[in-house]
C-alpha atoms as a PDB file:
ATOM      1  CA  MET A   1      89.626  84.510 106.352  1.00  0.00           C
ATOM      2  CA  ARG A   2      89.129  82.539 103.163  1.00  0.00           C
ATOM      3  CA  THR A   3      91.845  80.595 101.426  1.00  0.00           C
ATOM      4  CA  VAL A   4      91.926  79.856  97.723  1.00  0.00           C
ATOM      5  CA  ASP A   5      93.342  76.628  96.332  1.00  0.00           C
ATOM      6  CA  PHE A   6      95.369  77.299  93.189  1.00  0.00           C
ATOM      7  CA  ALA A   7      96.223  73.618  92.619  1.00  0.00           C
ATOM      8  CA  PRO A   8      93.865  73.201  89.609  1.00  0.00           C
ATOM      9  CA  LEU A   9      95.477  76.226  87.961  1.00  0.00           C
ATOM     10  CA  TYR A  10      98.979  74.872  88.561  1.00  0.00           C
ATOM     11  CA  ARG A  11      98.027  71.645  86.776  1.00  0.00           C
ATOM     12  CA  SER A  12      96.689  73.350  83.654  1.00  0.00           C
ATOM     13  CA  SER A  13      99.000  76.346  83.194  1.00  0.00           C
ATOM     14  CA  ILE A  14     102.690  76.774  82.588  1.00  0.00           C
ATOM     15  CA  GLY A  15     104.835  79.799  83.345  1.00  0.00           C
ATOM     16  CA  PHE A  16     102.396  81.642  85.614  1.00  0.00           C
ATOM     17  CA  ASP A  17     104.247  80.801  88.847  1.00  0.00           C
ATOM     18  CA  ARG A  18     104.992  84.460  89.621  1.00  0.00           C
ATOM     19  CA  LEU A  19     101.318  85.384  89.236  1.00  0.00           C
ATOM     20  CA  PHE A  20     100.211  82.608  91.590  1.00  0.00           C
ATOM     21  CA  ASP A  21     102.869  83.645  94.109  1.00  0.00           C
ATOM     22  CA  LEU A  22     101.513  87.217  94.015  1.00  0.00           C
ATOM     23  CA  LEU A  23      97.968  85.974  94.595  1.00  0.00           C
ATOM     24  CA  GLU A  24      99.086  83.846  97.538  1.00  0.00           C
ATOM     25  CA  THR A  25     101.050  86.790  98.975  1.00  0.00           C
ATOM     26  CA  ALA A  26      97.977  89.007  98.674  1.00  0.00           C
ATOM     27  CA  ASN A  27      96.027  86.333 100.544  1.00  0.00           C
ATOM     28  CA  ARG A  28      98.515  86.578 103.419  1.00  0.00           C
ATOM     29  CA  ALA A  29      98.542  90.382 103.365  1.00  0.00           C
ATOM     30  CA  GLN A  30      99.554  92.356 106.394  1.00  0.00           C
ATOM     31  CA  PRO A  31      96.821  93.717 108.615  1.00  0.00           C
ATOM     32  CA  ASN A  32      95.297  96.928 107.328  1.00  0.00           C
ATOM     33  CA  ASP A  33      97.864  99.400 108.618  1.00  0.00           C
ATOM     34  CA  ASN A  34      97.410 102.869 107.191  1.00  0.00           C
ATOM     35  CA  TRP A  35     100.602 104.321 108.648  1.00  0.00           C
ATOM     36  CA  PRO A  36     102.151 106.206 106.999  1.00  0.00           C
ATOM     37  CA  PRO A  37      99.587 107.311 104.429  1.00  0.00           C
ATOM     38  CA  TYR A  38     100.725 107.084 100.816  1.00  0.00           C
ATOM     39  CA  ASP A  39      99.601 107.636  97.228  1.00  0.00           C
ATOM     40  CA  THR A  40     100.556 105.669  94.130  1.00  0.00           C
ATOM     41  CA  LEU A  41     100.476 107.408  90.775  1.00  0.00           C
ATOM     42  CA  LYS A  42     101.085 106.287  87.207  1.00  0.00           C
ATOM     43  CA  THR A  43     103.006 109.191  85.695  1.00  0.00           C
ATOM     44  CA  GLY A  44     103.612 107.734  82.228  1.00  0.00           C
ATOM     45  CA  GLU A  45     103.483 104.600  80.113  1.00  0.00           C
ATOM     46  CA  ASP A  46     106.283 102.933  82.120  1.00  0.00           C
ATOM     47  CA  THR A  47     106.775 105.291  85.088  1.00  0.00           C
ATOM     48  CA  TYR A  48     105.182 105.350  88.525  1.00  0.00           C
ATOM     49  CA  ARG A  49     105.486 107.426  91.693  1.00  0.00           C
ATOM     50  CA  ILE A  50     104.864 106.572  95.336  1.00  0.00           C
ATOM     51  CA  THR A  51     104.401 109.548  97.677  1.00  0.00           C
ATOM     52  CA  MET A  52     104.425 108.892 101.422  1.00  0.00           C
ATOM     53  CA  ALA A  53     103.542 111.391 104.149  1.00  0.00           C
ATOM     54  CA  VAL A  54     106.474 111.123 106.560  1.00  0.00           C
ATOM     55  CA  ALA A  55     106.228 114.415 108.427  1.00  0.00           C
ATOM     56  CA  GLY A  56     108.843 114.691 111.147  1.00  0.00           C
ATOM     57  CA  PHE A  57     111.125 112.037 109.638  1.00  0.00           C
ATOM     58  CA  ALA A  58     114.471 113.242 108.314  1.00  0.00           C
ATOM     59  CA  GLU A  59     116.398 111.716 105.428  1.00  0.00           C
ATOM     60  CA  GLY A  60     118.573 109.763 107.874  1.00  0.00           C
ATOM     61  CA  ASP A  61     115.520 108.247 109.587  1.00  0.00           C
ATOM     62  CA  LEU A  62     114.304 106.555 106.383  1.00  0.00           C
ATOM     63  CA  THR A  63     115.635 103.528 104.511  1.00  0.00           C
ATOM     64  CA  ILE A  64     114.552 102.440 101.026  1.00  0.00           C
ATOM     65  CA  THR A  65     115.541  98.921  99.964  1.00  0.00           C
ATOM     66  CA  GLN A  66     114.797  97.255  96.640  1.00  0.00           C
ATOM     67  CA  GLN A  67     114.879  93.480  96.385  1.00  0.00           C
ATOM     68  CA  PRO A  68     113.739  91.419  93.413  1.00  0.00           C
ATOM     69  CA  ASN A  69     110.057  92.334  92.931  1.00  0.00           C
ATOM     70  CA  LEU A  70     109.860  94.044  96.334  1.00  0.00           C
ATOM     71  CA  LEU A  71     110.327  97.598  97.594  1.00  0.00           C
ATOM     72  CA  ILE A  72     110.655  98.120 101.350  1.00  0.00           C
ATOM     73  CA  VAL A  73     110.445 101.556 102.974  1.00  0.00           C
ATOM     74  CA  THR A  74     111.278 101.707 106.676  1.00  0.00           C
ATOM     75  CA  GLY A  75     111.361 104.610 109.040  1.00  0.00           C
ATOM     76  CA  GLU A  76     112.485 104.940 112.615  1.00  0.00           C
ATOM     77  CA  LYS A  77     112.651 108.270 114.402  1.00  0.00           C
ATOM     78  CA  LYS A  78     114.872 108.644 117.407  1.00  0.00           C
ATOM     79  CA  VAL A  79     113.254 111.349 119.490  1.00  0.00           C
ATOM     80  CA  GLU A  80     115.184 112.813 122.361  1.00  0.00           C
ATOM     81  CA  ALA A  81     112.815 114.648 124.649  1.00  0.00           C
ATOM     82  CA  GLU A  82     114.076 117.918 126.050  1.00  0.00           C
ATOM     83  CA  GLY A  83     111.398 117.931 128.661  1.00  0.00           C
ATOM     84  CA  GLU A  84     108.313 116.117 129.852  1.00  0.00           C
ATOM     85  CA  TYR A  85     105.507 115.752 127.303  1.00  0.00           C
ATOM     86  CA  LEU A  86     102.116 116.969 128.469  1.00  0.00           C
ATOM     87  CA  HIS A  87     100.521 115.861 125.210  1.00  0.00           C
ATOM     88  CA  ARG A  88     102.065 113.827 122.409  1.00  0.00           C
ATOM     89  CA  GLY A  89     100.037 114.065 119.219  1.00  0.00           C
ATOM     90  CA  ILE A  90     102.758 113.777 116.573  1.00  0.00           C
ATOM     91  CA  ALA A  91     103.184 110.167 115.526  1.00  0.00           C
ATOM     92  CA  TYR A  92     106.842 109.227 115.261  1.00  0.00           C
ATOM     93  CA  ARG A  93     106.162 105.509 115.438  1.00  0.00           C
ATOM     94  CA  PRO A  94     108.401 103.279 113.333  1.00  0.00           C
ATOM     95  CA  PHE A  95     107.003 101.781 110.146  1.00  0.00           C
ATOM     96  CA  ASN A  96     107.835  99.168 107.558  1.00  0.00           C
ATOM     97  CA  ARG A  97     105.857  99.515 104.306  1.00  0.00           C
ATOM     98  CA  ARG A  98     106.222  96.868 101.552  1.00  0.00           C
ATOM     99  CA  PHE A  99     105.301  97.255  97.899  1.00  0.00           C
ATOM    100  CA  GLU A 100     105.213  94.312  95.473  1.00  0.00           C
ATOM    101  CA  LEU A 101     106.857  95.325  92.206  1.00  0.00           C
ATOM    102  CA  ALA A 102     106.271  93.862  88.770  1.00  0.00           C
ATOM    103  CA  ASP A 103     109.124  92.297  86.841  1.00  0.00           C
ATOM    104  CA  HIS A 104     111.656  94.790  85.459  1.00  0.00           C
ATOM    105  CA  VAL A 105     110.491  97.682  87.693  1.00  0.00           C
ATOM    106  CA  ARG A 106     113.346  99.520  89.407  1.00  0.00           C
ATOM    107  CA  VAL A 107     113.667 102.569  91.636  1.00  0.00           C
ATOM    108  CA  ALA A 108     114.711 105.536  89.493  1.00  0.00           C
ATOM    109  CA  GLY A 109     115.164 107.930  92.424  1.00  0.00           C
ATOM    110  CA  ALA A 110     113.841 109.178  95.741  1.00  0.00           C
ATOM    111  CA  SER A 111     113.566 112.564  97.412  1.00  0.00           C
ATOM    112  CA  ILE A 112     112.043 114.123 100.507  1.00  0.00           C
ATOM    113  CA  LEU A 113     110.551 117.599 100.583  1.00  0.00           C
ATOM    114  CA  ASN A 114     108.090 119.218 102.999  1.00  0.00           C
ATOM    115  CA  GLY A 115     107.426 115.944 104.814  1.00  0.00           C
ATOM    116  CA  LEU A 116     106.658 113.988 101.638  1.00  0.00           C
ATOM    117  CA  LEU A 117     108.883 111.112 100.543  1.00  0.00           C
ATOM    118  CA  THR A 118     108.667 110.653  96.773  1.00  0.00           C
ATOM    119  CA  ILE A 119     109.910 107.443  95.149  1.00  0.00           C
ATOM    120  CA  ASP A 120     110.015 107.306  91.355  1.00  0.00           C
ATOM    121  CA  LEU A 121     109.798 103.903  89.680  1.00  0.00           C
ATOM    122  CA  LYS A 122     110.483 102.926  86.086  1.00  0.00           C
ATOM    123  CA  ARG A 123     109.717  99.744  84.196  1.00  0.00           C
ATOM    124  CA  GLU A 124     112.611  98.818  81.915  1.00  0.00           C
ATOM    125  CA  VAL A 125     111.876  95.759  79.813  1.00  0.00           C
ATOM    126  CA  PRO A 126     115.100  94.183  78.490  1.00  0.00           C
ATOM    127  CA  GLU A 127     115.552  94.255  74.733  1.00  0.00           C
ATOM    128  CA  ALA A 128     115.321  90.440  74.589  1.00  0.00           C
ATOM    129  CA  MET A 129     111.849  90.597  76.187  1.00  0.00           C
ATOM    130  CA  LYS A 130     110.400  93.223  73.829  1.00  0.00           C
ATOM    131  CA  PRO A 131     108.226  92.162  70.890  1.00  0.00           C
ATOM    132  CA  ARG A 132     110.166  91.737  67.657  1.00  0.00           C
ATOM    133  CA  GLN A 133     109.208  91.206  64.047  1.00  0.00           C
ATOM    134  CA  ILE A 134     110.025  87.743  62.652  1.00  0.00           C
ATOM    135  CA  GLU A 135     111.100  87.516  59.015  1.00  0.00           C
ATOM    136  CA  ILE A 136     109.219  84.947  56.986  1.00  0.00           C
ATOM    137  CA  SER A 137     111.313  83.305  54.302  1.00  0.00           C
ATOM    138  CA  THR A 138     110.263  81.106  51.425  1.00  0.00           C
ATOM    139  CA  GLY A 139     111.912  78.007  50.014  1.00  0.00           C
ATOM    140  CA  ALA A 140     114.729  77.242  52.450  1.00  0.00           C
ATOM    141  CA  THR A 141     114.052  75.248  55.582  1.00  0.00           C
ATOM    142  CA  ILE A 142     115.455  76.220  58.942  1.00  0.00           C
ATOM    143  CA  GLU A 143     117.895  73.270  58.866  1.00  0.00           C
ATOM    144  CA  HIS A 144     119.172  74.397  55.437  1.00  0.00           C
ATOM    145  CA  ARG A 145     119.727  77.980  56.641  1.00  0.00           C
ATOM    146  CA  LEU A 146     121.484  76.786  59.817  1.00  0.00           C
ATOM    147  CA  ALA A 147     123.808  74.598  57.727  1.00  0.00           C
ATOM    148  CA  ASP A 148     124.591  77.539  55.435  1.00  0.00           C
ATOM    149  CA  ALA A 149     125.321  79.752  58.446  1.00  0.00           C
ATOM    150  CA  ALA A 150     127.653  77.082  59.911  1.00  0.00           C
ATOM    151  CA  LYS A 151     129.560  76.830  56.605  1.00  0.00           C
ATOM    152  CA  ALA A 152     129.951  80.606  56.465  1.00  0.00           C
ATOM    153  CA  ALA A 153     131.409  80.732  59.998  1.00  0.00           C
END
């Protein structure tokens, strides 16, 4: 497997640490495990949905955990056999699926219906992070306005 050296980018860029961490994490990705199968869907400007096929797993067999920038879905089925299996074709194997989340993305809700686990995600950018219009004034300098504001307080 190839490795990429991000050192030149670290030297010439500021504030992109999270992006470089994501690229390094992708480089160390888990082996290609397709269990359980899932779909990701963008349902709106700031909303997303993950749908996982978890047939045979009940609500109590699944755990959804959100950490900063990470969503972890785990499943473990405890099967008590009532007899001796002659053929076992239904996969109840445990799984641990991880999804990297962007900043300010949170889980809005989750539900399970007909063997499909649906997780709704929403990006909520804090007001302080949203673009804002800056007023341009003429004549007074910033120091002059700050002094006036201090006198008024």
